[in-house]
Amino acid sequence: MASNLEVPVSPITAPTMNPALAIPPPSINATPVELDGTPTSAKKQGTVISPRSGGAARGSATFSPDADDEVYAELNGEKGVGAVERERRAQLLSSRSRDPAVIVDVPQTPQAEELETVAKATRQ
């Protein structure tokens, strides 16, 4: 008699096994949880402050359709919100730069002079 390894397996002679059903345990929360804290429905969303308009707006605050109008106005030479904000910031920086206790212009990367100093120090 041949062993089981020598007998070819065919659909007719293959052993019939029922697949085991794995039923996972029920979830901890019966209702879905919003992880980011932002409500998904418009009813729950309420009033959101729009950063572009500076006021209250309904819905999402990610994009304002009026932003295109502001960009076109600034390109045509008119003062938009961006130009007014830049002027306000420049005025604030100039007033703060006169104060010796305030460091206004902090360099973010080493300048050419600092790189030359380091190069000279490493060569010696």
PDB file of N, CA and C in Angstrom:
ATOM      1  N   MET A   1       0.848  -1.162   0.000  1.00  0.00           N
ATOM      2  CA  MET A   1       0.000   0.000   0.000  1.00  0.00           C
ATOM      3  C   MET A   1       0.896   1.227   0.000  1.00  0.00           C
ATOM      4  N   ALA A   2       0.511   2.221  -0.781  1.00  0.00           N
ATOM      5  CA  ALA A   2       1.304   3.437  -0.918  1.00  0.00           C
ATOM      6  C   ALA A   2       0.988   4.385   0.221  1.00  0.00           C
ATOM      7  N   SER A   3       2.003   5.173   0.571  1.00  0.00           N
ATOM      8  CA  SER A   3       1.779   6.148   1.638  1.00  0.00           C
ATOM      9  C   SER A   3       0.992   7.337   1.085  1.00  0.00           C
ATOM     10  N   ASN A   4       0.548   8.203   1.967  1.00  0.00           N
ATOM     11  CA  ASN A   4      -0.243   9.363   1.560  1.00  0.00           C
ATOM     12  C   ASN A   4       0.570  10.342   0.728  1.00  0.00           C
ATOM     13  N   LEU A   5       1.903  10.354   0.886  1.00  0.00           N
ATOM     14  CA  LEU A   5       2.731  11.278   0.138  1.00  0.00           C
ATOM     15  C   LEU A   5       2.845  10.866  -1.319  1.00  0.00           C
ATOM     16  N   GLU A   6       2.719   9.589  -1.597  1.00  0.00           N
ATOM     17  CA  GLU A   6       2.865   9.100  -2.966  1.00  0.00           C
ATOM     18  C   GLU A   6       1.565   9.170  -3.753  1.00  0.00           C
ATOM     19  N   VAL A   7       0.460   9.275  -3.099  1.00  0.00           N
ATOM     20  CA  VAL A   7      -0.835   9.301  -3.772  1.00  0.00           C
ATOM     21  C   VAL A   7      -1.070  10.703  -4.306  1.00  0.00           C
ATOM     22  N   PRO A   8      -1.325  10.861  -5.599  1.00  0.00           N
ATOM     23  CA  PRO A   8      -1.605  12.191  -6.139  1.00  0.00           C
ATOM     24  C   PRO A   8      -2.926  12.722  -5.595  1.00  0.00           C
ATOM     25  N   VAL A   9      -2.933  14.018  -5.388  1.00  0.00           N
ATOM     26  CA  VAL A   9      -4.130  14.661  -4.857  1.00  0.00           C
ATOM     27  C   VAL A   9      -4.962  15.150  -6.026  1.00  0.00           C
ATOM     28  N   SER A  10      -6.202  14.788  -6.042  1.00  0.00           N
ATOM     29  CA  SER A  10      -7.123  15.261  -7.066  1.00  0.00           C
ATOM     30  C   SER A  10      -8.355  15.799  -6.367  1.00  0.00           C
ATOM     31  N   PRO A  11      -9.167  16.551  -7.079  1.00  0.00           N
ATOM     32  CA  PRO A  11     -10.372  17.086  -6.429  1.00  0.00           C
ATOM     33  C   PRO A  11     -11.305  15.998  -5.931  1.00  0.00           C
ATOM     34  N   ILE A  12     -11.216  14.870  -6.542  1.00  0.00           N
ATOM     35  CA  ILE A  12     -12.123  13.794  -6.136  1.00  0.00           C
ATOM     36  C   ILE A  12     -11.607  13.108  -4.884  1.00  0.00           C
ATOM     37  N   THR A  13     -10.289  12.887  -4.816  1.00  0.00           N
ATOM     38  CA  THR A  13      -9.742  12.152  -3.680  1.00  0.00           C
ATOM     39  C   THR A  13      -9.243  13.057  -2.562  1.00  0.00           C
ATOM     40  N   ALA A  14      -9.252  14.369  -2.770  1.00  0.00           N
ATOM     41  CA  ALA A  14      -8.760  15.276  -1.739  1.00  0.00           C
ATOM     42  C   ALA A  14      -9.652  15.202  -0.520  1.00  0.00           C
ATOM     43  N   PRO A  15      -9.045  15.280   0.625  1.00  0.00           N
ATOM     44  CA  PRO A  15      -9.870  15.248   1.829  1.00  0.00           C
ATOM     45  C   PRO A  15     -10.722  16.513   1.910  1.00  0.00           C
ATOM     46  N   THR A  16     -11.915  16.344   2.313  1.00  0.00           N
ATOM     47  CA  THR A  16     -12.816  17.501   2.432  1.00  0.00           C
ATOM     48  C   THR A  16     -12.721  18.035   3.854  1.00  0.00           C
ATOM     49  N   MET A  17     -12.276  19.283   3.921  1.00  0.00           N
ATOM     50  CA  MET A  17     -12.179  19.945   5.223  1.00  0.00           C
ATOM     51  C   MET A  17     -13.000  21.221   5.169  1.00  0.00           C
ATOM     52  N   ASN A  18     -13.752  21.425   6.149  1.00  0.00           N
ATOM     53  CA  ASN A  18     -14.501  22.671   6.237  1.00  0.00           C
ATOM     54  C   ASN A  18     -13.568  23.756   6.770  1.00  0.00           C
ATOM     55  N   PRO A  19     -13.582  24.941   6.163  1.00  0.00           N
ATOM     56  CA  PRO A  19     -12.717  26.007   6.666  1.00  0.00           C
ATOM     57  C   PRO A  19     -13.185  26.460   8.049  1.00  0.00           C
ATOM     58  N   ALA A  20     -12.228  26.783   8.857  1.00  0.00           N
ATOM     59  CA  ALA A  20     -12.552  27.248  10.200  1.00  0.00           C
ATOM     60  C   ALA A  20     -12.971  28.712  10.116  1.00  0.00           C
ATOM     61  N   LEU A  21     -14.082  29.038  10.702  1.00  0.00           N
ATOM     62  CA  LEU A  21     -14.568  30.412  10.722  1.00  0.00           C
ATOM     63  C   LEU A  21     -14.030  31.100  11.974  1.00  0.00           C
ATOM     64  N   ALA A  22     -13.323  32.173  11.748  1.00  0.00           N
ATOM     65  CA  ALA A  22     -12.815  32.955  12.870  1.00  0.00           C
ATOM     66  C   ALA A  22     -13.678  34.195  13.012  1.00  0.00           C
ATOM     67  N   ILE A  23     -14.434  34.252  14.056  1.00  0.00           N
ATOM     68  CA  ILE A  23     -15.304  35.398  14.306  1.00  0.00           C
ATOM     69  C   ILE A  23     -14.599  36.294  15.316  1.00  0.00           C
ATOM     70  N   PRO A  24     -14.229  37.511  14.887  1.00  0.00           N
ATOM     71  CA  PRO A  24     -13.520  38.395  15.820  1.00  0.00           C
ATOM     72  C   PRO A  24     -14.461  38.887  16.916  1.00  0.00           C
ATOM     73  N   PRO A  25     -13.897  39.259  18.042  1.00  0.00           N
ATOM     74  CA  PRO A  25     -14.744  39.784  19.116  1.00  0.00           C
ATOM     75  C   PRO A  25     -15.350  41.121  18.693  1.00  0.00           C
ATOM     76  N   PRO A  26     -16.459  41.495  19.285  1.00  0.00           N
ATOM     77  CA  PRO A  26     -17.080  42.772  18.915  1.00  0.00           C
ATOM     78  C   PRO A  26     -16.170  43.944  19.281  1.00  0.00           C
ATOM     79  N   SER A  27     -16.330  45.049  18.555  1.00  0.00           N
ATOM     80  CA  SER A  27     -15.491  46.215  18.805  1.00  0.00           C
ATOM     81  C   SER A  27     -15.834  46.843  20.152  1.00  0.00           C
ATOM     82  N   ILE A  28     -14.888  47.601  20.669  1.00  0.00           N
ATOM     83  CA  ILE A  28     -15.084  48.238  21.972  1.00  0.00           C
ATOM     84  C   ILE A  28     -16.151  49.321  21.874  1.00  0.00           C
ATOM     85  N   ASN A  29     -16.068  50.147  20.826  1.00  0.00           N
ATOM     86  CA  ASN A  29     -17.033  51.225  20.639  1.00  0.00           C
ATOM     87  C   ASN A  29     -18.067  50.796  19.613  1.00  0.00           C
ATOM     88  N   ALA A  30     -19.320  50.902  19.973  1.00  0.00           N
ATOM     89  CA  ALA A  30     -20.374  50.536  19.040  1.00  0.00           C
ATOM     90  C   ALA A  30     -20.544  51.597  17.953  1.00  0.00           C
ATOM     91  N   THR A  31     -20.226  52.848  18.274  1.00  0.00           N
ATOM     92  CA  THR A  31     -20.341  53.928  17.293  1.00  0.00           C
ATOM     93  C   THR A  31     -18.949  54.384  16.884  1.00  0.00           C
ATOM     94  N   PRO A  32     -18.775  54.855  15.642  1.00  0.00           N
ATOM     95  CA  PRO A  32     -17.452  55.316  15.213  1.00  0.00           C
ATOM     96  C   PRO A  32     -17.025  56.565  15.981  1.00  0.00           C
ATOM     97  N   VAL A  33     -15.731  56.702  16.172  1.00  0.00           N
ATOM     98  CA  VAL A  33     -15.167  57.823  16.920  1.00  0.00           C
ATOM     99  C   VAL A  33     -14.359  58.687  15.964  1.00  0.00           C
ATOM    100  N   GLU A  34     -14.546  60.007  16.043  1.00  0.00           N
ATOM    101  CA  GLU A  34     -13.787  60.939  15.212  1.00  0.00           C
ATOM    102  C   GLU A  34     -12.499  61.278  15.945  1.00  0.00           C
ATOM    103  N   LEU A  35     -11.376  60.800  15.421  1.00  0.00           N
ATOM    104  CA  LEU A  35     -10.107  60.958  16.117  1.00  0.00           C
ATOM    105  C   LEU A  35      -9.563  62.374  16.048  1.00  0.00           C
ATOM    106  N   ASP A  36      -9.850  63.102  14.959  1.00  0.00           N
ATOM    107  CA  ASP A  36      -9.274  64.438  14.832  1.00  0.00           C
ATOM    108  C   ASP A  36     -10.084  65.498  15.561  1.00  0.00           C
ATOM    109  N   GLY A  37     -11.236  65.170  16.061  1.00  0.00           N
ATOM    110  CA  GLY A  37     -12.025  66.126  16.816  1.00  0.00           C
ATOM    111  C   GLY A  37     -12.861  67.054  15.965  1.00  0.00           C
ATOM    112  N   THR A  38     -12.794  66.908  14.641  1.00  0.00           N
ATOM    113  CA  THR A  38     -13.582  67.748  13.755  1.00  0.00           C
ATOM    114  C   THR A  38     -14.875  67.018  13.421  1.00  0.00           C
ATOM    115  N   PRO A  39     -16.021  67.605  13.703  1.00  0.00           N
ATOM    116  CA  PRO A  39     -17.269  66.928  13.366  1.00  0.00           C
ATOM    117  C   PRO A  39     -17.409  66.759  11.857  1.00  0.00           C
ATOM    118  N   THR A  40     -18.011  65.650  11.464  1.00  0.00           N
ATOM    119  CA  THR A  40     -18.135  65.374  10.037  1.00  0.00           C
ATOM    120  C   THR A  40     -19.385  65.978   9.427  1.00  0.00           C
ATOM    121  N   SER A  41     -20.404  66.199  10.207  1.00  0.00           N
ATOM    122  CA  SER A  41     -21.631  66.741   9.641  1.00  0.00           C
ATOM    123  C   SER A  41     -21.617  68.267   9.709  1.00  0.00           C
ATOM    124  N   ALA A  42     -22.264  68.894   8.735  1.00  0.00           N
ATOM    125  CA  ALA A  42     -22.321  70.359   8.698  1.00  0.00           C
ATOM    126  C   ALA A  42     -23.119  70.902   9.877  1.00  0.00           C
ATOM    127  N   LYS A  43     -24.087  70.137  10.334  1.00  0.00           N
ATOM    128  CA  LYS A  43     -24.917  70.567  11.452  1.00  0.00           C
ATOM    129  C   LYS A  43     -24.077  70.712  12.724  1.00  0.00           C
ATOM    130  N   LYS A  44     -23.153  69.758  12.947  1.00  0.00           N
ATOM    131  CA  LYS A  44     -22.318  69.795  14.139  1.00  0.00           C
ATOM    132  C   LYS A  44     -21.156  70.765  13.996  1.00  0.00           C
ATOM    133  N   GLN A  45     -20.784  71.090  12.753  1.00  0.00           N
ATOM    134  CA  GLN A  45     -19.582  71.881  12.527  1.00  0.00           C
ATOM    135  C   GLN A  45     -19.724  73.303  13.054  1.00  0.00           C
ATOM    136  N   GLY A  46     -20.866  73.916  12.861  1.00  0.00           N
ATOM    137  CA  GLY A  46     -21.104  75.238  13.417  1.00  0.00           C
ATOM    138  C   GLY A  46     -20.312  76.324  12.727  1.00  0.00           C
ATOM    139  N   THR A  47     -20.021  77.372  13.471  1.00  0.00           N
ATOM    140  CA  THR A  47     -19.313  78.525  12.924  1.00  0.00           C
ATOM    141  C   THR A  47     -17.815  78.342  13.093  1.00  0.00           C
ATOM    142  N   VAL A  48     -17.092  78.578  12.008  1.00  0.00           N
ATOM    143  CA  VAL A  48     -15.635  78.473  12.010  1.00  0.00           C
ATOM    144  C   VAL A  48     -15.078  79.838  11.648  1.00  0.00           C
ATOM    145  N   ILE A  49     -14.037  80.272  12.331  1.00  0.00           N
ATOM    146  CA  ILE A  49     -13.412  81.554  12.021  1.00  0.00           C
ATOM    147  C   ILE A  49     -12.526  81.369  10.798  1.00  0.00           C
ATOM    148  N   SER A  50     -12.756  82.188   9.789  1.00  0.00           N
ATOM    149  CA  SER A  50     -11.976  82.105   8.561  1.00  0.00           C
ATOM    150  C   SER A  50     -10.735  82.973   8.687  1.00  0.00           C
ATOM    151  N   PRO A  51      -9.526  82.404   8.470  1.00  0.00           N
ATOM    152  CA  PRO A  51      -8.319  83.213   8.606  1.00  0.00           C
ATOM    153  C   PRO A  51      -8.168  84.249   7.496  1.00  0.00           C
ATOM    154  N   ARG A  52      -8.737  84.013   6.327  1.00  0.00           N
ATOM    155  CA  ARG A  52      -8.595  84.956   5.215  1.00  0.00           C
ATOM    156  C   ARG A  52      -9.512  86.165   5.388  1.00  0.00           C
ATOM    157  N   SER A  53     -10.746  85.926   5.787  1.00  0.00           N
ATOM    158  CA  SER A  53     -11.687  87.036   5.861  1.00  0.00           C
ATOM    159  C   SER A  53     -11.624  87.759   7.200  1.00  0.00           C
ATOM    160  N   GLY A  54     -11.071  87.100   8.229  1.00  0.00           N
ATOM    161  CA  GLY A  54     -10.968  87.730   9.532  1.00  0.00           C
ATOM    162  C   GLY A  54     -12.276  87.706  10.294  1.00  0.00           C
ATOM    163  N   GLY A  55     -13.270  87.038   9.785  1.00  0.00           N
ATOM    164  CA  GLY A  55     -14.555  86.988  10.459  1.00  0.00           C
ATOM    165  C   GLY A  55     -15.067  85.577  10.536  1.00  0.00           C
ATOM    166  N   ALA A  56     -16.332  85.459  10.874  1.00  0.00           N
ATOM    167  CA  ALA A  56     -16.933  84.142  10.993  1.00  0.00           C
ATOM    168  C   ALA A  56     -17.444  83.689   9.640  1.00  0.00           C
ATOM    169  N   ALA A  57     -17.282  82.427   9.372  1.00  0.00           N
ATOM    170  CA  ALA A  57     -17.758  81.844   8.121  1.00  0.00           C
ATOM    171  C   ALA A  57     -18.359  80.487   8.434  1.00  0.00           C
ATOM    172  N   ARG A  58     -19.286  80.056   7.631  1.00  0.00           N
ATOM    173  CA  ARG A  58     -19.891  78.748   7.815  1.00  0.00           C
ATOM    174  C   ARG A  58     -19.080  77.725   7.047  1.00  0.00           C
ATOM    175  N   GLY A  59     -18.889  76.552   7.617  1.00  0.00           N
ATOM    176  CA  GLY A  59     -18.213  75.489   6.889  1.00  0.00           C
ATOM    177  C   GLY A  59     -16.723  75.474   7.135  1.00  0.00           C
ATOM    178  N   SER A  60     -16.006  75.000   6.140  1.00  0.00           N
ATOM    179  CA  SER A  60     -14.567  74.814   6.267  1.00  0.00           C
ATOM    180  C   SER A  60     -13.824  76.133   6.118  1.00  0.00           C
ATOM    181  N   ALA A  61     -12.722  76.281   6.856  1.00  0.00           N
ATOM    182  CA  ALA A  61     -11.928  77.507   6.811  1.00  0.00           C
ATOM    183  C   ALA A  61     -10.637  77.307   6.038  1.00  0.00           C
ATOM    184  N   THR A  62     -10.591  76.310   5.152  1.00  0.00           N
ATOM    185  CA  THR A  62      -9.337  76.030   4.467  1.00  0.00           C
ATOM    186  C   THR A  62      -9.121  76.911   3.251  1.00  0.00           C
ATOM    187  N   PHE A  63     -10.180  77.380   2.598  1.00  0.00           N
ATOM    188  CA  PHE A  63     -10.007  78.178   1.392  1.00  0.00           C
ATOM    189  C   PHE A  63     -11.153  79.170   1.276  1.00  0.00           C
ATOM    190  N   SER A  64     -10.824  80.383   0.899  1.00  0.00           N
ATOM    191  CA  SER A  64     -11.827  81.413   0.693  1.00  0.00           C
ATOM    192  C   SER A  64     -11.904  81.733  -0.791  1.00  0.00           C
ATOM    193  N   PRO A  65     -13.082  81.711  -1.403  1.00  0.00           N
ATOM    194  CA  PRO A  65     -13.183  82.057  -2.818  1.00  0.00           C
ATOM    195  C   PRO A  65     -12.780  83.499  -3.086  1.00  0.00           C
ATOM    196  N   ASP A  66     -12.868  84.372  -2.082  1.00  0.00           N
ATOM    197  CA  ASP A  66     -12.478  85.767  -2.259  1.00  0.00           C
ATOM    198  C   ASP A  66     -10.962  85.936  -2.329  1.00  0.00           C
ATOM    199  N   ALA A  67     -10.219  84.894  -2.016  1.00  0.00           N
ATOM    200  CA  ALA A  67      -8.755  84.996  -2.038  1.00  0.00           C
ATOM    201  C   ALA A  67      -8.256  85.300  -3.444  1.00  0.00           C
ATOM    202  N   ASP A  68      -8.919  84.755  -4.465  1.00  0.00           N
ATOM    203  CA  ASP A  68      -8.513  85.047  -5.843  1.00  0.00           C
ATOM    204  C   ASP A  68      -8.680  86.529  -6.148  1.00  0.00           C
ATOM    205  N   ASP A  69      -9.779  87.114  -5.688  1.00  0.00           N
ATOM    206  CA  ASP A  69     -10.006  88.539  -5.922  1.00  0.00           C
ATOM    207  C   ASP A  69      -8.925  89.381  -5.245  1.00  0.00           C
ATOM    208  N   GLU A  70      -8.519  88.968  -4.033  1.00  0.00           N
ATOM    209  CA  GLU A  70      -7.464  89.695  -3.331  1.00  0.00           C
ATOM    210  C   GLU A  70      -6.146  89.613  -4.086  1.00  0.00           C
ATOM    211  N   VAL A  71      -5.842  88.443  -4.630  1.00  0.00           N
ATOM    212  CA  VAL A  71      -4.590  88.264  -5.375  1.00  0.00           C
ATOM    213  C   VAL A  71      -4.602  89.123  -6.629  1.00  0.00           C
ATOM    214  N   TYR A  72      -5.704  89.101  -7.373  1.00  0.00           N
ATOM    215  CA  TYR A  72      -5.794  89.905  -8.597  1.00  0.00           C
ATOM    216  C   TYR A  72      -5.704  91.401  -8.282  1.00  0.00           C
ATOM    217  N   ALA A  73      -6.312  91.825  -7.186  1.00  0.00           N
ATOM    218  CA  ALA A  73      -6.252  93.240  -6.813  1.00  0.00           C
ATOM    219  C   ALA A  73      -4.818  93.645  -6.486  1.00  0.00           C
ATOM    220  N   GLU A  74      -4.086  92.778  -5.778  1.00  0.00           N
ATOM    221  CA  GLU A  74      -2.694  93.099  -5.456  1.00  0.00           C
ATOM    222  C   GLU A  74      -1.830  93.105  -6.704  1.00  0.00           C
ATOM    223  N   LEU A  75      -2.109  92.218  -7.655  1.00  0.00           N
ATOM    224  CA  LEU A  75      -1.342  92.202  -8.901  1.00  0.00           C
ATOM    225  C   LEU A  75      -1.604  93.458  -9.727  1.00  0.00           C
ATOM    226  N   ASN A  76      -2.788  94.026  -9.605  1.00  0.00           N
ATOM    227  CA  ASN A  76      -3.125  95.242 -10.339  1.00  0.00           C
ATOM    228  C   ASN A  76      -2.650  96.507  -9.630  1.00  0.00           C
ATOM    229  N   GLY A  77      -2.002  96.370  -8.489  1.00  0.00           N
ATOM    230  CA  GLY A  77      -1.450  97.529  -7.798  1.00  0.00           C
ATOM    231  C   GLY A  77      -2.299  98.029  -6.653  1.00  0.00           C
ATOM    232  N   GLU A  78      -3.453  97.453  -6.444  1.00  0.00           N
ATOM    233  CA  GLU A  78      -4.287  97.882  -5.325  1.00  0.00           C
ATOM    234  C   GLU A  78      -3.760  97.252  -4.039  1.00  0.00           C
ATOM    235  N   LYS A  79      -4.042  97.907  -2.928  1.00  0.00           N
ATOM    236  CA  LYS A  79      -3.614  97.361  -1.650  1.00  0.00           C
ATOM    237  C   LYS A  79      -4.649  96.363  -1.166  1.00  0.00           C
ATOM    238  N   GLY A  80      -4.213  95.151  -0.996  1.00  0.00           N
ATOM    239  CA  GLY A  80      -5.083  94.124  -0.459  1.00  0.00           C
ATOM    240  C   GLY A  80      -4.742  93.859   0.992  1.00  0.00           C
ATOM    241  N   VAL A  81      -5.299  92.804   1.510  1.00  0.00           N
ATOM    242  CA  VAL A  81      -5.049  92.441   2.898  1.00  0.00           C
ATOM    243  C   VAL A  81      -3.578  92.101   3.091  1.00  0.00           C
ATOM    244  N   GLY A  82      -2.963  91.443   2.103  1.00  0.00           N
ATOM    245  CA  GLY A  82      -1.559  91.061   2.213  1.00  0.00           C
ATOM    246  C   GLY A  82      -0.640  92.257   2.279  1.00  0.00           C
ATOM    247  N   ALA A  83      -0.893  93.271   1.449  1.00  0.00           N
ATOM    248  CA  ALA A  83      -0.041  94.465   1.440  1.00  0.00           C
ATOM    249  C   ALA A  83      -0.176  95.238   2.742  1.00  0.00           C
ATOM    250  N   VAL A  84      -1.383  95.353   3.240  1.00  0.00           N
ATOM    251  CA  VAL A  84      -1.602  96.054   4.512  1.00  0.00           C
ATOM    252  C   VAL A  84      -0.892  95.304   5.636  1.00  0.00           C
ATOM    253  N   GLU A  85      -0.977  93.990   5.604  1.00  0.00           N
ATOM    254  CA  GLU A  85      -0.325  93.181   6.642  1.00  0.00           C
ATOM    255  C   GLU A  85       1.197  93.296   6.556  1.00  0.00           C
ATOM    256  N   ARG A  86       1.742  93.315   5.343  1.00  0.00           N
ATOM    257  CA  ARG A  86       3.192  93.474   5.181  1.00  0.00           C
ATOM    258  C   ARG A  86       3.658  94.836   5.692  1.00  0.00           C
ATOM    259  N   GLU A  87       2.874  95.883   5.413  1.00  0.00           N
ATOM    260  CA  GLU A  87       3.228  97.217   5.910  1.00  0.00           C
ATOM    261  C   GLU A  87       3.180  97.270   7.435  1.00  0.00           C
ATOM    262  N   ARG A  88       2.166  96.650   8.013  1.00  0.00           N
ATOM    263  CA  ARG A  88       2.043  96.624   9.470  1.00  0.00           C
ATOM    264  C   ARG A  88       3.228  95.876  10.084  1.00  0.00           C
ATOM    265  N   ARG A  89       3.609  94.766   9.470  1.00  0.00           N
ATOM    266  CA  ARG A  89       4.740  93.984   9.980  1.00  0.00           C
ATOM    267  C   ARG A  89       6.048  94.766   9.844  1.00  0.00           C
ATOM    268  N   ALA A  90       6.242  95.447   8.713  1.00  0.00           N
ATOM    269  CA  ALA A  90       7.459  96.246   8.520  1.00  0.00           C
ATOM    270  C   ALA A  90       7.535  97.370   9.550  1.00  0.00           C
ATOM    271  N   GLN A  91       6.395  98.002   9.831  1.00  0.00           N
ATOM    272  CA  GLN A  91       6.365  99.069  10.832  1.00  0.00           C
ATOM    273  C   GLN A  91       6.678  98.504  12.220  1.00  0.00           C
ATOM    274  N   LEU A  92       6.141  97.357  12.540  1.00  0.00           N
ATOM    275  CA  LEU A  92       6.407  96.725  13.828  1.00  0.00           C
ATOM    276  C   LEU A  92       7.885  96.359  13.958  1.00  0.00           C
ATOM    277  N   LEU A  93       8.465  95.795  12.896  1.00  0.00           N
ATOM    278  CA  LEU A  93       9.879  95.424  12.939  1.00  0.00           C
ATOM    279  C   LEU A  93      10.780  96.647  13.057  1.00  0.00           C
ATOM    280  N   SER A  94      10.425  97.724  12.369  1.00  0.00           N
ATOM    281  CA  SER A  94      11.260  98.926  12.469  1.00  0.00           C
ATOM    282  C   SER A  94      11.194  99.531  13.870  1.00  0.00           C
ATOM    283  N   SER A  95      10.020  99.496  14.494  1.00  0.00           N
ATOM    284  CA  SER A  95       9.916 100.028  15.855  1.00  0.00           C
ATOM    285  C   SER A  95      10.645  99.126  16.847  1.00  0.00           C
ATOM    286  N   ARG A  96      10.621  97.831  16.618  1.00  0.00           N
ATOM    287  CA  ARG A  96      11.312  96.907  17.521  1.00  0.00           C
ATOM    288  C   ARG A  96      12.813  96.923  17.295  1.00  0.00           C
ATOM    289  N   SER A  97      13.251  97.232  16.061  1.00  0.00           N
ATOM    290  CA  SER A  97      14.691  97.229  15.791  1.00  0.00           C
ATOM    291  C   SER A  97      15.395  98.387  16.500  1.00  0.00           C
ATOM    292  N   ARG A  98      14.659  99.438  16.839  1.00  0.00           N
ATOM    293  CA  ARG A  98      15.244 100.560  17.574  1.00  0.00           C
ATOM    294  C   ARG A  98      15.470 100.221  19.045  1.00  0.00           C
ATOM    295  N   ASP A  99      14.771  99.206  19.535  1.00  0.00           N
ATOM    296  CA  ASP A  99      14.908  98.801  20.932  1.00  0.00           C
ATOM    297  C   ASP A  99      16.115  97.866  21.055  1.00  0.00           C
ATOM    298  N   PRO A 100      17.135  98.238  21.868  1.00  0.00           N
ATOM    299  CA  PRO A 100      18.332  97.394  21.956  1.00  0.00           C
ATOM    300  C   PRO A 100      18.089  96.052  22.645  1.00  0.00           C
ATOM    301  N   ALA A 101      16.996  95.908  23.369  1.00  0.00           N
ATOM    302  CA  ALA A 101      16.723  94.654  24.065  1.00  0.00           C
ATOM    303  C   ALA A 101      16.073  93.611  23.164  1.00  0.00           C
ATOM    304  N   VAL A 102      15.661  94.015  21.970  1.00  0.00           N
ATOM    305  CA  VAL A 102      14.962  93.102  21.074  1.00  0.00           C
ATOM    306  C   VAL A 102      15.875  92.722  19.920  1.00  0.00           C
ATOM    307  N   ILE A 103      16.057  91.427  19.704  1.00  0.00           N
ATOM    308  CA  ILE A 103      16.817  90.937  18.555  1.00  0.00           C
ATOM    309  C   ILE A 103      15.807  90.664  17.449  1.00  0.00           C
ATOM    310  N   VAL A 104      15.862  91.460  16.397  1.00  0.00           N
ATOM    311  CA  VAL A 104      14.877  91.342  15.330  1.00  0.00           C
ATOM    312  C   VAL A 104      15.368  90.417  14.227  1.00  0.00           C
ATOM    313  N   ASP A 105      16.567  90.661  13.726  1.00  0.00           N
ATOM    314  CA  ASP A 105      17.075  89.900  12.590  1.00  0.00           C
ATOM    315  C   ASP A 105      18.029  88.818  13.066  1.00  0.00           C
ATOM    316  N   VAL A 106      17.476  87.649  13.347  1.00  0.00           N
ATOM    317  CA  VAL A 106      18.291  86.511  13.745  1.00  0.00           C
ATOM    318  C   VAL A 106      18.568  85.695  12.488  1.00  0.00           C
ATOM    319  N   PRO A 107      19.841  85.540  12.099  1.00  0.00           N
ATOM    320  CA  PRO A 107      20.119  84.773  10.879  1.00  0.00           C
ATOM    321  C   PRO A 107      19.758  83.303  11.077  1.00  0.00           C
ATOM    322  N   GLN A 108      19.147  82.717  10.071  1.00  0.00           N
ATOM    323  CA  GLN A 108      18.716  81.328  10.152  1.00  0.00           C
ATOM    324  C   GLN A 108      19.834  80.364   9.772  1.00  0.00           C
ATOM    325  N   THR A 109      20.724  80.782   8.877  1.00  0.00           N
ATOM    326  CA  THR A 109      21.816  79.925   8.428  1.00  0.00           C
ATOM    327  C   THR A 109      23.117  80.696   8.554  1.00  0.00           C
ATOM    328  N   PRO A 110      24.250  80.012   8.613  1.00  0.00           N
ATOM    329  CA  PRO A 110      25.519  80.733   8.680  1.00  0.00           C
ATOM    330  C   PRO A 110      25.764  81.520   7.397  1.00  0.00           C
ATOM    331  N   GLN A 111      26.294  82.721   7.560  1.00  0.00           N
ATOM    332  CA  GLN A 111      26.597  83.580   6.417  1.00  0.00           C
ATOM    333  C   GLN A 111      27.997  83.267   5.900  1.00  0.00           C
ATOM    334  N   ALA A 112      28.409  83.927   4.822  1.00  0.00           N
ATOM    335  CA  ALA A 112      29.698  83.659   4.190  1.00  0.00           C
ATOM    336  C   ALA A 112      30.859  83.937   5.139  1.00  0.00           C
ATOM    337  N   GLU A 113      30.749  84.988   5.941  1.00  0.00           N
ATOM    338  CA  GLU A 113      31.828  85.326   6.865  1.00  0.00           C
ATOM    339  C   GLU A 113      32.028  84.221   7.903  1.00  0.00           C
ATOM    340  N   GLU A 114      30.932  83.687   8.414  1.00  0.00           N
ATOM    341  CA  GLU A 114      31.039  82.618   9.406  1.00  0.00           C
ATOM    342  C   GLU A 114      31.615  81.356   8.789  1.00  0.00           C
ATOM    343  N   LEU A 115      31.234  81.058   7.549  1.00  0.00           N
ATOM    344  CA  LEU A 115      31.773  79.877   6.881  1.00  0.00           C
ATOM    345  C   LEU A 115      33.272  80.025   6.624  1.00  0.00           C
ATOM    346  N   GLU A 116      33.710  81.230   6.263  1.00  0.00           N
ATOM    347  CA  GLU A 116      35.148  81.469   6.064  1.00  0.00           C
ATOM    348  C   GLU A 116      35.914  81.307   7.370  1.00  0.00           C
ATOM    349  N   THR A 117      35.357  81.796   8.462  1.00  0.00           N
ATOM    350  CA  THR A 117      36.006  81.673   9.764  1.00  0.00           C
ATOM    351  C   THR A 117      36.166  80.210  10.150  1.00  0.00           C
ATOM    352  N   VAL A 118      35.145  79.426   9.924  1.00  0.00           N
ATOM    353  CA  VAL A 118      35.205  77.998  10.246  1.00  0.00           C
ATOM    354  C   VAL A 118      36.212  77.300   9.346  1.00  0.00           C
ATOM    355  N   ALA A 119      36.228  77.652   8.058  1.00  0.00           N
ATOM    356  CA  ALA A 119      37.175  77.031   7.129  1.00  0.00           C
ATOM    357  C   ALA A 119      38.614  77.345   7.529  1.00  0.00           C
ATOM    358  N   LYS A 120      38.879  78.585   7.939  1.00  0.00           N
ATOM    359  CA  LYS A 120      40.230  78.961   8.378  1.00  0.00           C
ATOM    360  C   LYS A 120      40.612  78.216   9.653  1.00  0.00           C
ATOM    361  N   ALA A 121      39.668  78.063  10.557  1.00  0.00           N
ATOM    362  CA  ALA A 121      39.951  77.387  11.824  1.00  0.00           C
ATOM    363  C   ALA A 121      40.228  75.900  11.607  1.00  0.00           C
ATOM    364  N   THR A 122      39.553  75.289  10.653  1.00  0.00           N
ATOM    365  CA  THR A 122      39.769  73.860  10.415  1.00  0.00           C
ATOM    366  C   THR A 122      41.053  73.599   9.639  1.00  0.00           C
ATOM    367  N   ARG A 123      41.508  74.565   8.850  1.00  0.00           N
ATOM    368  CA  ARG A 123      42.754  74.397   8.092  1.00  0.00           C
ATOM    369  C   ARG A 123      43.973  74.463   8.996  1.00  0.00           C
ATOM    370  N   GLN A 124      43.887  75.169  10.092  1.00  0.00           N
ATOM    371  CA  GLN A 124      45.061  75.363  10.966  1.00  0.00           C
ATOM    372  C   GLN A 124      45.299  74.204  11.871  1.00  0.00           C
TER     373      GLN A 124
END
